[in-house]
Amino acid sequence: MGTEECVVVGTGAVSAEDVIRVARLGAPVRIAGDAISAMAESRKRIEALAEDPKPVYGISTGFGALATRHIPFARRTQLQRSLVRSHAAGNGPEVEREVVRALMLLRLSTLATGRTGARPEVAQVYASLLSSGITPVVHEYGSLGCSGDLAPLAHVALAVIGEGTVRDAEGALMPAGTALSAAGIEPVVLEEKEGLALINGTDGMLGMLLLACEDLHGLLRLADVTAAMSVEGLLGTDKVFAPDLQALRPHPGQAHAAANMVRLLADSEIVKSHADPSCTVVQDAYSLRCAPQVAGAARDSLAHAEQVASWELASAIDNPVVTVDGRVESNGNFHGAPVAYVLDFLAIVVADLASMSERRTDRFLDVARNHGLPPFLADDPGVDSGHMIAQYTQAAIVSELKRLAAPASVDSIPSSAMQEDHVSMGWSAARKLRRAIDGLTRVLAIEALTAARALDLRAPLAPSPATGAVRDAIREHVAGPGTDRHLAPEIEAAVALASSGALVAAAETVVGRLD
């Protein structure tokens, strides 16, 4: 576990930063006093309804299409336990630890609002599991994104009652009961409504949205870095990125991206070498000239996604829900459409950013378009293939990203005997976005690797201090131009530098924090 300061969960929304700290950095969790009081107060209302002979959904009835059956008091503990067991029906590969920790914190945050009617001791088990580094095993398939992420959340709830499988803080796979006992955590016996309160939320898709937004902030800056390296290496101009030209189309993201490009290309000997009337190139290709327009639109789309995420973070999602004035009401707030739409939107953004990056890489390799560089940047073209197949790898990834950009949220398969006759597929949208972000990272890394070789081949002209610093960071792990070498390890080294933020950090040592 990490040494991060404890995240305190109260009745208000947790922040996106809190989710990242708990999910990725292993921060422990504590429940605030106001949340304990709120949960205890709303629990009184649930207990009163449990005594009422009139059936109340989720408290004294079955679930979904079985909601018409009244459950006698003596069987309600079994009702909640059976709900969790039956809904823990996930299948396929394990979901990543950071995703499970994010959805656990988000479900805890909703419990802490007092709007679900769950007891404080149930919420405390979630906090204890997170703080102990115990992660329930959740599977890839099982959520339709409406009534929330039922199966993924049910696998977590299963661990809360001491059943199912978990991984401990060291990653060892073991029965939940064994892990909880070793950590001194007492499993809970669920009472009326509590099983339902643990599985009825959009926490999985929201957690993955927040993680994706965090990743994309870094990748958008990297996209500006690699675009600048390509503009430079392909003898493009930086004049098109001038602030007054960008202001003619006042999209905020575009202005930020263009400003980054200007800073990254400042003081480049390569750019200066052809910035005179002797240059015969009238206009650069779109993949160079329009880089800020695409990366800028991506920033604006990300800003919209983060706004949706902030609204979802402020939500208390359950069905039925305990209202502020004490009513217990059914609702449809568990439907994942708002989150699903922006997850799909970001997958489109990722595919387009990668597509433009791949086009710039391809220009470096074509002797008819690379302005004097050797074919495929090869040392001895014909004997050597240079970066020819690196572009193939990029193209294969970009093709996959285009398939992943097909929206999940336009699909719906009715379930629960047509009671749940329209679903969001938000979990599926989130899963494909995670894969897409990995692909974008790899595509940008290959562009950086190829552009670095091109900058070396422009010697004795020097690149800008910023792009030169990025090239030098790559050279610490990958040798410069020469005869063909085993290319896969070099690509993987560049991917590691891209995903760690090292390439952006190298540029920022020269120009300061990029927008």
Foldseek 3Di string as FASTA:
>chain_A
DAPDEEDEAALFFDDLVVLCCLLPRLHAYHYDPNLQVLLVVLLVLLVVVLPDPDDDFQFQFADFLRRVHGHDQVCQLVRLVVQLVVLLPADADWDDSSLQRQLLVLLLNLSSNSWQSFHPLLSVLSSLCSNQQKGFTAHQDRALLPLARQNRLSSVLCLLQQAHWIAGNVGDIDGSVVRCVVSVHHRDRDHGNPSQSRRRANRSLLSLLSVLLVLVVLLLLLLLLLLLLLCLLLLHELVLLDQVNCVVPPQPLLVQSSVSSCLLQPPFLSNVVQPDPVNPDPHDDCLNNVSSVLSSVLVVLSVVLVVLSVVRSRDNTGAQIQDPVGDGHGDGPSARASSLVSLLVNLVSLLVSLVSLLVSLVQCQDPVRRVDADHLNAPDPPQANNCVCVSVVSVVLSVVSVVLSPGPQVDADADSVNSRVGHGSSSVSSVSSVVSSLSSLLSSLSSLVSSLQSQVVPPPGHGDQLNNQLSVVLCVPDPHHDHDDDCVVSSVVSSVCSSVSVSSVSSCVRRNDRD
